[in-house]
Amino acid sequence: MPVLCCPLTGTMMEQLKEKVKALREKRGWTQEDMAREIGVCLSTVQRWEKQGGNPTRLARRELARLFQKAGI
């Protein structure tokens, strides 16, 4: 997932939902673990998994790093 500076489209938000949950489950992390790893609030990870969302540029960078590391 490239690091973007513009808002995510509906399709991208849907992909984000799936990828965030897949990454978390692959790592065996709780939502709280993932939030801590990325540096966001628990409610942010919950929102991403439930409805997608538009992560900050810093959060996108961290997500991209974790997705790449996990092969997602």
PDB file of N, CA and C in Angstrom:
ATOM      1  N   MET A   1       0.858  -1.175   0.000  1.00  0.00           N
ATOM      2  CA  MET A   1       0.000   0.000   0.000  1.00  0.00           C
ATOM      3  C   MET A   1       0.897   1.228   0.000  1.00  0.00           C
ATOM      4  N   PRO A   2       0.832   2.030  -1.056  1.00  0.00           N
ATOM      5  CA  PRO A   2       1.683   3.210  -1.101  1.00  0.00           C
ATOM      6  C   PRO A   2       1.264   4.236  -0.058  1.00  0.00           C
ATOM      7  N   VAL A   3       2.213   5.027   0.348  1.00  0.00           N
ATOM      8  CA  VAL A   3       1.919   6.108   1.290  1.00  0.00           C
ATOM      9  C   VAL A   3       1.334   7.255   0.486  1.00  0.00           C
ATOM     10  N   LEU A   4       0.113   7.606   0.792  1.00  0.00           N
ATOM     11  CA  LEU A   4      -0.608   8.621   0.038  1.00  0.00           C
ATOM     12  C   LEU A   4      -0.787   9.881   0.858  1.00  0.00           C
ATOM     13  N   CYS A   5      -0.980  10.984   0.179  1.00  0.00           N
ATOM     14  CA  CYS A   5      -1.212  12.235   0.890  1.00  0.00           C
ATOM     15  C   CYS A   5      -2.620  12.754   0.643  1.00  0.00           C
ATOM     16  N   CYS A   6      -3.403  12.025  -0.105  1.00  0.00           N
ATOM     17  CA  CYS A   6      -4.768  12.458  -0.388  1.00  0.00           C
ATOM     18  C   CYS A   6      -5.758  11.493   0.259  1.00  0.00           C
ATOM     19  N   PRO A   7      -7.026  11.884   0.383  1.00  0.00           N
ATOM     20  CA  PRO A   7      -8.022  11.005   1.000  1.00  0.00           C
ATOM     21  C   PRO A   7      -8.182   9.704   0.224  1.00  0.00           C
ATOM     22  N   LEU A   8      -8.526   8.652   0.935  1.00  0.00           N
ATOM     23  CA  LEU A   8      -8.742   7.360   0.310  1.00  0.00           C
ATOM     24  C   LEU A   8     -10.123   7.310  -0.328  1.00  0.00           C
ATOM     25  N   THR A   9     -10.219   6.598  -1.444  1.00  0.00           N
ATOM     26  CA  THR A   9     -11.513   6.389  -2.093  1.00  0.00           C
ATOM     27  C   THR A   9     -12.255   5.277  -1.366  1.00  0.00           C
ATOM     28  N   GLY A  10     -13.516   5.071  -1.706  1.00  0.00           N
ATOM     29  CA  GLY A  10     -14.312   4.012  -1.086  1.00  0.00           C
ATOM     30  C   GLY A  10     -13.673   2.643  -1.236  1.00  0.00           C
ATOM     31  N   THR A  11     -13.149   2.341  -2.423  1.00  0.00           N
ATOM     32  CA  THR A  11     -12.503   1.051  -2.664  1.00  0.00           C
ATOM     33  C   THR A  11     -11.253   0.906  -1.810  1.00  0.00           C
ATOM     34  N   MET A  12     -10.481   1.959  -1.719  1.00  0.00           N
ATOM     35  CA  MET A  12      -9.256   1.908  -0.922  1.00  0.00           C
ATOM     36  C   MET A  12      -9.579   1.726   0.560  1.00  0.00           C
ATOM     37  N   MET A  13     -10.656   2.355   1.026  1.00  0.00           N
ATOM     38  CA  MET A  13     -11.050   2.196   2.428  1.00  0.00           C
ATOM     39  C   MET A  13     -11.473   0.757   2.698  1.00  0.00           C
ATOM     40  N   GLU A  14     -12.156   0.150   1.728  1.00  0.00           N
ATOM     41  CA  GLU A  14     -12.580  -1.240   1.873  1.00  0.00           C
ATOM     42  C   GLU A  14     -11.352  -2.151   1.941  1.00  0.00           C
ATOM     43  N   GLN A  15     -10.368  -1.888   1.096  1.00  0.00           N
ATOM     44  CA  GLN A  15      -9.130  -2.672   1.117  1.00  0.00           C
ATOM     45  C   GLN A  15      -8.392  -2.473   2.432  1.00  0.00           C
ATOM     46  N   LEU A  16      -8.398  -1.257   2.936  1.00  0.00           N
ATOM     47  CA  LEU A  16      -7.736  -0.974   4.203  1.00  0.00           C
ATOM     48  C   LEU A  16      -8.355  -1.809   5.312  1.00  0.00           C
ATOM     49  N   LYS A  17      -9.684  -1.864   5.367  1.00  0.00           N
ATOM     50  CA  LYS A  17     -10.376  -2.667   6.387  1.00  0.00           C
ATOM     51  C   LYS A  17      -9.856  -4.095   6.373  1.00  0.00           C
ATOM     52  N   GLU A  18      -9.823  -4.678   5.178  1.00  0.00           N
ATOM     53  CA  GLU A  18      -9.418  -6.074   5.040  1.00  0.00           C
ATOM     54  C   GLU A  18      -7.951  -6.271   5.410  1.00  0.00           C
ATOM     55  N   LYS A  19      -7.103  -5.381   4.940  1.00  0.00           N
ATOM     56  CA  LYS A  19      -5.667  -5.522   5.190  1.00  0.00           C
ATOM     57  C   LYS A  19      -5.304  -5.321   6.657  1.00  0.00           C
ATOM     58  N   VAL A  20      -5.940  -4.355   7.302  1.00  0.00           N
ATOM     59  CA  VAL A  20      -5.645  -4.098   8.716  1.00  0.00           C
ATOM     60  C   VAL A  20      -5.995  -5.323   9.548  1.00  0.00           C
ATOM     61  N   LYS A  21      -7.158  -5.879   9.305  1.00  0.00           N
ATOM     62  CA  LYS A  21      -7.575  -7.056  10.070  1.00  0.00           C
ATOM     63  C   LYS A  21      -6.685  -8.254   9.749  1.00  0.00           C
ATOM     64  N   ALA A  22      -6.354  -8.454   8.472  1.00  0.00           N
ATOM     65  CA  ALA A  22      -5.490  -9.569   8.075  1.00  0.00           C
ATOM     66  C   ALA A  22      -4.116  -9.451   8.735  1.00  0.00           C
ATOM     67  N   LEU A  23      -3.560  -8.254   8.740  1.00  0.00           N
ATOM     68  CA  LEU A  23      -2.257  -8.030   9.363  1.00  0.00           C
ATOM     69  C   LEU A  23      -2.316  -8.334  10.851  1.00  0.00           C
ATOM     70  N   ARG A  24      -3.328  -7.810  11.492  1.00  0.00           N
ATOM     71  CA  ARG A  24      -3.461  -8.004  12.936  1.00  0.00           C
ATOM     72  C   ARG A  24      -3.592  -9.484  13.276  1.00  0.00           C
ATOM     73  N   GLU A  25      -4.420 -10.190  12.527  1.00  0.00           N
ATOM     74  CA  GLU A  25      -4.610 -11.617  12.793  1.00  0.00           C
ATOM     75  C   GLU A  25      -3.352 -12.424  12.477  1.00  0.00           C
ATOM     76  N   LYS A  26      -2.653 -12.053  11.400  1.00  0.00           N
ATOM     77  CA  LYS A  26      -1.419 -12.756  11.038  1.00  0.00           C
ATOM     78  C   LYS A  26      -0.371 -12.612  12.135  1.00  0.00           C
ATOM     79  N   ARG A  27      -0.310 -11.463  12.740  1.00  0.00           N
ATOM     80  CA  ARG A  27       0.652 -11.201  13.814  1.00  0.00           C
ATOM     81  C   ARG A  27       0.193 -11.727  15.173  1.00  0.00           C
ATOM     82  N   GLY A  28      -1.087 -12.094  15.270  1.00  0.00           N
ATOM     83  CA  GLY A  28      -1.616 -12.547  16.556  1.00  0.00           C
ATOM     84  C   GLY A  28      -1.822 -11.403  17.529  1.00  0.00           C
ATOM     85  N   TRP A  29      -2.030 -10.210  16.990  1.00  0.00           N
ATOM     86  CA  TRP A  29      -2.196  -9.015  17.804  1.00  0.00           C
ATOM     87  C   TRP A  29      -3.661  -8.760  18.119  1.00  0.00           C
ATOM     88  N   THR A  30      -3.902  -8.160  19.271  1.00  0.00           N
ATOM     89  CA  THR A  30      -5.215  -7.597  19.565  1.00  0.00           C
ATOM     90  C   THR A  30      -5.275  -6.239  18.864  1.00  0.00           C
ATOM     91  N   GLN A  31      -6.450  -5.650  18.835  1.00  0.00           N
ATOM     92  CA  GLN A  31      -6.562  -4.306  18.267  1.00  0.00           C
ATOM     93  C   GLN A  31      -5.714  -3.324  19.068  1.00  0.00           C
ATOM     94  N   GLU A  32      -5.647  -3.542  20.363  1.00  0.00           N
ATOM     95  CA  GLU A  32      -4.838  -2.668  21.219  1.00  0.00           C
ATOM     96  C   GLU A  32      -3.350  -2.807  20.896  1.00  0.00           C
ATOM     97  N   ASP A  33      -2.893  -4.040  20.656  1.00  0.00           N
ATOM     98  CA  ASP A  33      -1.493  -4.263  20.276  1.00  0.00           C
ATOM     99  C   ASP A  33      -1.169  -3.509  18.990  1.00  0.00           C
ATOM    100  N   MET A  34      -2.058  -3.619  18.026  1.00  0.00           N
ATOM    101  CA  MET A  34      -1.826  -2.971  16.740  1.00  0.00           C
ATOM    102  C   MET A  34      -1.806  -1.455  16.888  1.00  0.00           C
ATOM    103  N   ALA A  35      -2.728  -0.926  17.667  1.00  0.00           N
ATOM    104  CA  ALA A  35      -2.764   0.520  17.898  1.00  0.00           C
ATOM    105  C   ALA A  35      -1.441   0.996  18.494  1.00  0.00           C
ATOM    106  N   ARG A  36      -0.939   0.259  19.452  1.00  0.00           N
ATOM    107  CA  ARG A  36       0.324   0.612  20.102  1.00  0.00           C
ATOM    108  C   ARG A  36       1.475   0.562  19.087  1.00  0.00           C
ATOM    109  N   GLU A  37       1.493  -0.457  18.251  1.00  0.00           N
ATOM    110  CA  GLU A  37       2.559  -0.624  17.252  1.00  0.00           C
ATOM    111  C   GLU A  37       2.583   0.527  16.246  1.00  0.00           C
ATOM    112  N   ILE A  38       1.403   0.995  15.860  1.00  0.00           N
ATOM    113  CA  ILE A  38       1.301   2.058  14.857  1.00  0.00           C
ATOM    114  C   ILE A  38       1.381   3.441  15.492  1.00  0.00           C
ATOM    115  N   GLY A  39       1.004   3.528  16.762  1.00  0.00           N
ATOM    116  CA  GLY A  39       1.029   4.819  17.445  1.00  0.00           C
ATOM    117  C   GLY A  39      -0.281   5.580  17.323  1.00  0.00           C
ATOM    118  N   VAL A  40      -1.391   4.820  17.316  1.00  0.00           N
ATOM    119  CA  VAL A  40      -2.713   5.442  17.255  1.00  0.00           C
ATOM    120  C   VAL A  40      -3.557   4.934  18.420  1.00  0.00           C
ATOM    121  N   CYS A  41      -4.736   5.501  18.582  1.00  0.00           N
ATOM    122  CA  CYS A  41      -5.663   5.065  19.636  1.00  0.00           C
ATOM    123  C   CYS A  41      -6.345   3.762  19.243  1.00  0.00           C
ATOM    124  N   LEU A  42      -6.745   3.009  20.250  1.00  0.00           N
ATOM    125  CA  LEU A  42      -7.493   1.778  20.031  1.00  0.00           C
ATOM    126  C   LEU A  42      -8.726   2.039  19.170  1.00  0.00           C
ATOM    127  N   SER A  43      -9.436   3.115  19.450  1.00  0.00           N
ATOM    128  CA  SER A  43     -10.657   3.420  18.692  1.00  0.00           C
ATOM    129  C   SER A  43     -10.365   3.649  17.210  1.00  0.00           C
ATOM    130  N   THR A  44      -9.164   4.104  16.894  1.00  0.00           N
ATOM    131  CA  THR A  44      -8.779   4.307  15.498  1.00  0.00           C
ATOM    132  C   THR A  44      -8.685   2.972  14.777  1.00  0.00           C
ATOM    133  N   VAL A  45      -8.017   2.003  15.383  1.00  0.00           N
ATOM    134  CA  VAL A  45      -7.907   0.671  14.771  1.00  0.00           C
ATOM    135  C   VAL A  45      -9.292   0.048  14.655  1.00  0.00           C
ATOM    136  N   GLN A  46     -10.107   0.203  15.672  1.00  0.00           N
ATOM    137  CA  GLN A  46     -11.471  -0.334  15.620  1.00  0.00           C
ATOM    138  C   GLN A  46     -12.247   0.278  14.452  1.00  0.00           C
ATOM    139  N   ARG A  47     -12.104   1.580  14.258  1.00  0.00           N
ATOM    140  CA  ARG A  47     -12.795   2.260  13.159  1.00  0.00           C
ATOM    141  C   ARG A  47     -12.274   1.774  11.810  1.00  0.00           C
ATOM    142  N   TRP A  48     -10.957   1.625  11.677  1.00  0.00           N
ATOM    143  CA  TRP A  48     -10.394   1.139  10.422  1.00  0.00           C
ATOM    144  C   TRP A  48     -10.956  -0.228  10.066  1.00  0.00           C
ATOM    145  N   GLU A  49     -11.052  -1.114  11.058  1.00  0.00           N
ATOM    146  CA  GLU A  49     -11.545  -2.462  10.790  1.00  0.00           C
ATOM    147  C   GLU A  49     -13.044  -2.484  10.524  1.00  0.00           C
ATOM    148  N   LYS A  50     -13.769  -1.576  11.115  1.00  0.00           N
ATOM    149  CA  LYS A  50     -15.224  -1.581  10.967  1.00  0.00           C
ATOM    150  C   LYS A  50     -15.680  -0.865   9.701  1.00  0.00           C
ATOM    151  N   GLN A  51     -15.108   0.301   9.434  1.00  0.00           N
ATOM    152  CA  GLN A  51     -15.615   1.103   8.318  1.00  0.00           C
ATOM    153  C   GLN A  51     -14.528   1.661   7.417  1.00  0.00           C
ATOM    154  N   GLY A  52     -13.311   1.189   7.564  1.00  0.00           N
ATOM    155  CA  GLY A  52     -12.226   1.770   6.784  1.00  0.00           C
ATOM    156  C   GLY A  52     -11.773   3.037   7.471  1.00  0.00           C
ATOM    157  N   GLY A  53     -11.536   4.052   6.726  1.00  0.00           N
ATOM    158  CA  GLY A  53     -11.123   5.307   7.324  1.00  0.00           C
ATOM    159  C   GLY A  53     -10.048   5.957   6.492  1.00  0.00           C
ATOM    160  N   ASN A  54      -9.548   7.040   6.973  1.00  0.00           N
ATOM    161  CA  ASN A  54      -8.525   7.780   6.254  1.00  0.00           C
ATOM    162  C   ASN A  54      -7.369   8.058   7.210  1.00  0.00           C
ATOM    163  N   PRO A  55      -6.438   7.104   7.326  1.00  0.00           N
ATOM    164  CA  PRO A  55      -5.322   7.270   8.259  1.00  0.00           C
ATOM    165  C   PRO A  55      -4.475   8.495   7.936  1.00  0.00           C
ATOM    166  N   THR A  56      -3.854   9.024   8.947  1.00  0.00           N
ATOM    167  CA  THR A  56      -2.913  10.128   8.745  1.00  0.00           C
ATOM    168  C   THR A  56      -1.741   9.632   7.909  1.00  0.00           C
ATOM    169  N   ARG A  57      -0.979  10.558   7.395  1.00  0.00           N
ATOM    170  CA  ARG A  57       0.170  10.173   6.581  1.00  0.00           C
ATOM    171  C   ARG A  57       1.154   9.326   7.395  1.00  0.00           C
ATOM    172  N   LEU A  58       1.369   9.690   8.644  1.00  0.00           N
ATOM    173  CA  LEU A  58       2.273   8.923   9.500  1.00  0.00           C
ATOM    174  C   LEU A  58       1.735   7.510   9.728  1.00  0.00           C
ATOM    175  N   ALA A  59       0.434   7.388   9.994  1.00  0.00           N
ATOM    176  CA  ALA A  59      -0.167   6.064  10.195  1.00  0.00           C
ATOM    177  C   ALA A  59      -0.092   5.245   8.915  1.00  0.00           C
ATOM    178  N   ARG A  60      -0.299   5.878   7.773  1.00  0.00           N
ATOM    179  CA  ARG A  60      -0.187   5.161   6.488  1.00  0.00           C
ATOM    180  C   ARG A  60       1.224   4.632   6.287  1.00  0.00           C
ATOM    181  N   ARG A  61       2.191   5.440   6.649  1.00  0.00           N
ATOM    182  CA  ARG A  61       3.587   5.014   6.507  1.00  0.00           C
ATOM    183  C   ARG A  61       3.854   3.790   7.380  1.00  0.00           C
ATOM    184  N   GLU A  62       3.375   3.821   8.607  1.00  0.00           N
ATOM    185  CA  GLU A  62       3.561   2.682   9.517  1.00  0.00           C
ATOM    186  C   GLU A  62       2.809   1.454   9.016  1.00  0.00           C
ATOM    187  N   LEU A  63       1.586   1.651   8.548  1.00  0.00           N
ATOM    188  CA  LEU A  63       0.817   0.532   8.000  1.00  0.00           C
ATOM    189  C   LEU A  63       1.529  -0.070   6.795  1.00  0.00           C
ATOM    190  N   ALA A  64       2.007   0.772   5.892  1.00  0.00           N
ATOM    191  CA  ALA A  64       2.708   0.280   4.702  1.00  0.00           C
ATOM    192  C   ALA A  64       3.932  -0.540   5.100  1.00  0.00           C
ATOM    193  N   ARG A  65       4.661  -0.059   6.091  1.00  0.00           N
ATOM    194  CA  ARG A  65       5.850  -0.781   6.569  1.00  0.00           C
ATOM    195  C   ARG A  65       5.453  -2.141   7.124  1.00  0.00           C
ATOM    196  N   LEU A  66       4.393  -2.178   7.925  1.00  0.00           N
ATOM    197  CA  LEU A  66       3.945  -3.434   8.525  1.00  0.00           C
ATOM    198  C   LEU A  66       3.359  -4.381   7.482  1.00  0.00           C
ATOM    199  N   PHE A  67       2.604  -3.842   6.508  1.00  0.00           N
ATOM    200  CA  PHE A  67       2.052  -4.686   5.445  1.00  0.00           C
ATOM    201  C   PHE A  67       3.185  -5.326   4.648  1.00  0.00           C
ATOM    202  N   GLN A  68       4.190  -4.532   4.314  1.00  0.00           N
ATOM    203  CA  GLN A  68       5.311  -5.050   3.530  1.00  0.00           C
ATOM    204  C   GLN A  68       6.065  -6.119   4.315  1.00  0.00           C
ATOM    205  N   LYS A  69       6.317  -5.852   5.559  1.00  0.00           N
ATOM    206  CA  LYS A  69       7.033  -6.794   6.420  1.00  0.00           C
ATOM    207  C   LYS A  69       6.278  -8.120   6.544  1.00  0.00           C
ATOM    208  N   ALA A  70       4.936  -8.046   6.569  1.00  0.00           N
ATOM    209  CA  ALA A  70       4.103  -9.241   6.725  1.00  0.00           C
ATOM    210  C   ALA A  70       3.754  -9.889   5.386  1.00  0.00           C
ATOM    211  N   GLY A  71       4.123  -9.248   4.278  1.00  0.00           N
ATOM    212  CA  GLY A  71       3.804  -9.797   2.966  1.00  0.00           C
ATOM    213  C   GLY A  71       2.336  -9.678   2.604  1.00  0.00           C
ATOM    214  N   ILE A  72       1.704  -8.636   3.089  1.00  0.00           N
ATOM    215  CA  ILE A  72       0.270  -8.426   2.818  1.00  0.00           C
ATOM    216  C   ILE A  72       0.119  -7.325   1.784  1.00  0.00           C
TER     217      ILE A  72
END
